Amino acid sequence: MGLVSSIFTWPLAPVRTLMRLGELIQEQIDRELRNPAAVRRRLEEIEAARQAGTISEEEEREAVESILRQATGR
């Protein structure tokens, strides 16, 4: 039975591999978005941009909210 099922499922192996690769990439992205050091670094970059005058207060607020939403998983 194992040989027969292997023969029929073998053509799907590349699809399964690609799906698993996508899952691994998504897991890594989630870890990076929630990493406290990365969140702090992005918030510091936004603050520096605001102090330099390259973004407005509204843009700063929106960016900070977006980062915090991503960090909390909402």
C-alpha atoms as a PDB file:
ATOM      1  CA  MET A   1       0.000   0.000   0.000  1.00  0.00           C
ATOM      2  CA  GLY A   2       2.844   2.405   0.788  1.00  0.00           C
ATOM      3  CA  LEU A   3       4.347   1.998  -2.658  1.00  0.00           C
ATOM      4  CA  VAL A   4       1.026   2.629  -4.397  1.00  0.00           C
ATOM      5  CA  SER A   5       0.296   5.756  -2.360  1.00  0.00           C
ATOM      6  CA  SER A   6       3.846   7.003  -2.980  1.00  0.00           C
ATOM      7  CA  ILE A   7       3.390   6.645  -6.721  1.00  0.00           C
ATOM      8  CA  PHE A   8       0.179   8.669  -6.686  1.00  0.00           C
ATOM      9  CA  THR A   9       1.372  11.367  -4.274  1.00  0.00           C
ATOM     10  CA  TRP A  10       4.871  11.788  -5.722  1.00  0.00           C
ATOM     11  CA  PRO A  11       3.797  14.416  -8.296  1.00  0.00           C
ATOM     12  CA  LEU A  12       2.531  16.595  -5.422  1.00  0.00           C
ATOM     13  CA  ALA A  13       5.902  16.640  -3.606  1.00  0.00           C
ATOM     14  CA  PRO A  14       7.087  19.933  -5.185  1.00  0.00           C
ATOM     15  CA  VAL A  15       3.818  21.609  -4.212  1.00  0.00           C
ATOM     16  CA  ARG A  16       4.133  20.389  -0.615  1.00  0.00           C
ATOM     17  CA  THR A  17       7.752  21.570  -0.500  1.00  0.00           C
ATOM     18  CA  LEU A  18       6.789  24.995  -1.799  1.00  0.00           C
ATOM     19  CA  MET A  19       3.954  25.261   0.732  1.00  0.00           C
ATOM     20  CA  ARG A  20       6.309  24.344   3.586  1.00  0.00           C
ATOM     21  CA  LEU A  21       8.840  26.901   2.386  1.00  0.00           C
ATOM     22  CA  GLY A  22       6.115  29.564   2.420  1.00  0.00           C
ATOM     23  CA  GLU A  23       5.171  28.561   5.969  1.00  0.00           C
ATOM     24  CA  LEU A  24       8.790  28.812   7.112  1.00  0.00           C
ATOM     25  CA  ILE A  25       9.154  32.261   5.538  1.00  0.00           C
ATOM     26  CA  GLN A  26       5.945  33.432   7.212  1.00  0.00           C
ATOM     27  CA  GLU A  27       7.134  32.125  10.592  1.00  0.00           C
ATOM     28  CA  GLN A  28      10.433  34.020  10.206  1.00  0.00           C
ATOM     29  CA  ILE A  29       8.600  37.220   9.263  1.00  0.00           C
ATOM     30  CA  ASP A  30       6.330  36.866  12.295  1.00  0.00           C
ATOM     31  CA  ARG A  31       9.336  36.366  14.586  1.00  0.00           C
ATOM     32  CA  GLU A  32      11.043  39.450  13.156  1.00  0.00           C
ATOM     33  CA  LEU A  33       7.936  41.621  13.443  1.00  0.00           C
ATOM     34  CA  ARG A  34       7.486  40.658  17.089  1.00  0.00           C
ATOM     35  CA  ASN A  35      11.164  40.803  18.083  1.00  0.00           C
ATOM     36  CA  PRO A  36      11.422  43.531  20.754  1.00  0.00           C
ATOM     37  CA  ALA A  37      14.809  44.717  19.492  1.00  0.00           C
ATOM     38  CA  ALA A  38      13.523  45.055  15.923  1.00  0.00           C
ATOM     39  CA  VAL A  39      10.382  46.872  17.098  1.00  0.00           C
ATOM     40  CA  ARG A  40      12.473  49.280  19.154  1.00  0.00           C
ATOM     41  CA  ARG A  41      14.833  49.901  16.213  1.00  0.00           C
ATOM     42  CA  ARG A  42      11.921  50.706  13.877  1.00  0.00           C
ATOM     43  CA  LEU A  43      10.363  53.033  16.455  1.00  0.00           C
ATOM     44  CA  GLU A  44      13.715  54.810  16.885  1.00  0.00           C
ATOM     45  CA  GLU A  45      14.008  55.200  13.103  1.00  0.00           C
ATOM     46  CA  ILE A  46      10.557  56.789  12.987  1.00  0.00           C
ATOM     47  CA  GLU A  47      11.442  59.135  15.832  1.00  0.00           C
ATOM     48  CA  ALA A  48      14.668  60.146  14.093  1.00  0.00           C
ATOM     49  CA  ALA A  49      12.781  60.796  10.848  1.00  0.00           C
ATOM     50  CA  ARG A  50      10.295  62.981  12.717  1.00  0.00           C
ATOM     51  CA  GLN A  51      13.078  64.955  14.399  1.00  0.00           C
ATOM     52  CA  ALA A  52      14.781  65.411  11.031  1.00  0.00           C
ATOM     53  CA  GLY A  53      11.518  66.710   9.620  1.00  0.00           C
ATOM     54  CA  THR A  54      11.205  64.106   6.883  1.00  0.00           C
ATOM     55  CA  ILE A  55       7.810  62.928   8.129  1.00  0.00           C
ATOM     56  CA  SER A  56       4.885  64.767   9.662  1.00  0.00           C
ATOM     57  CA  GLU A  57       3.352  64.153  13.088  1.00  0.00           C
ATOM     58  CA  GLU A  58       0.450  62.374  11.419  1.00  0.00           C
ATOM     59  CA  GLU A  59       2.779  60.073   9.470  1.00  0.00           C
ATOM     60  CA  GLU A  60       4.733  59.370  12.648  1.00  0.00           C
ATOM     61  CA  ARG A  61       1.576  58.475  14.552  1.00  0.00           C
ATOM     62  CA  GLU A  62       0.349  56.191  11.763  1.00  0.00           C
ATOM     63  CA  ALA A  63       3.738  54.464  11.479  1.00  0.00           C
ATOM     64  CA  VAL A  64       3.970  53.898  15.238  1.00  0.00           C
ATOM     65  CA  GLU A  65       0.431  52.505  15.335  1.00  0.00           C
ATOM     66  CA  SER A  66       1.210  50.185  12.441  1.00  0.00           C
ATOM     67  CA  ILE A  67       4.364  48.863  14.108  1.00  0.00           C
ATOM     68  CA  LEU A  68       2.582  48.314  17.402  1.00  0.00           C
ATOM     69  CA  ARG A  69      -0.290  46.507  15.646  1.00  0.00           C
ATOM     70  CA  GLN A  70       2.176  44.207  13.917  1.00  0.00           C
ATOM     71  CA  ALA A  71       4.073  43.585  17.149  1.00  0.00           C
ATOM     72  CA  THR A  72       0.934  42.609  19.030  1.00  0.00           C
ATOM     73  CA  GLY A  73      -0.433  40.497  16.175  1.00  0.00           C
ATOM     74  CA  ARG A  74      -3.606  42.493  15.560  1.00  0.00           C
END
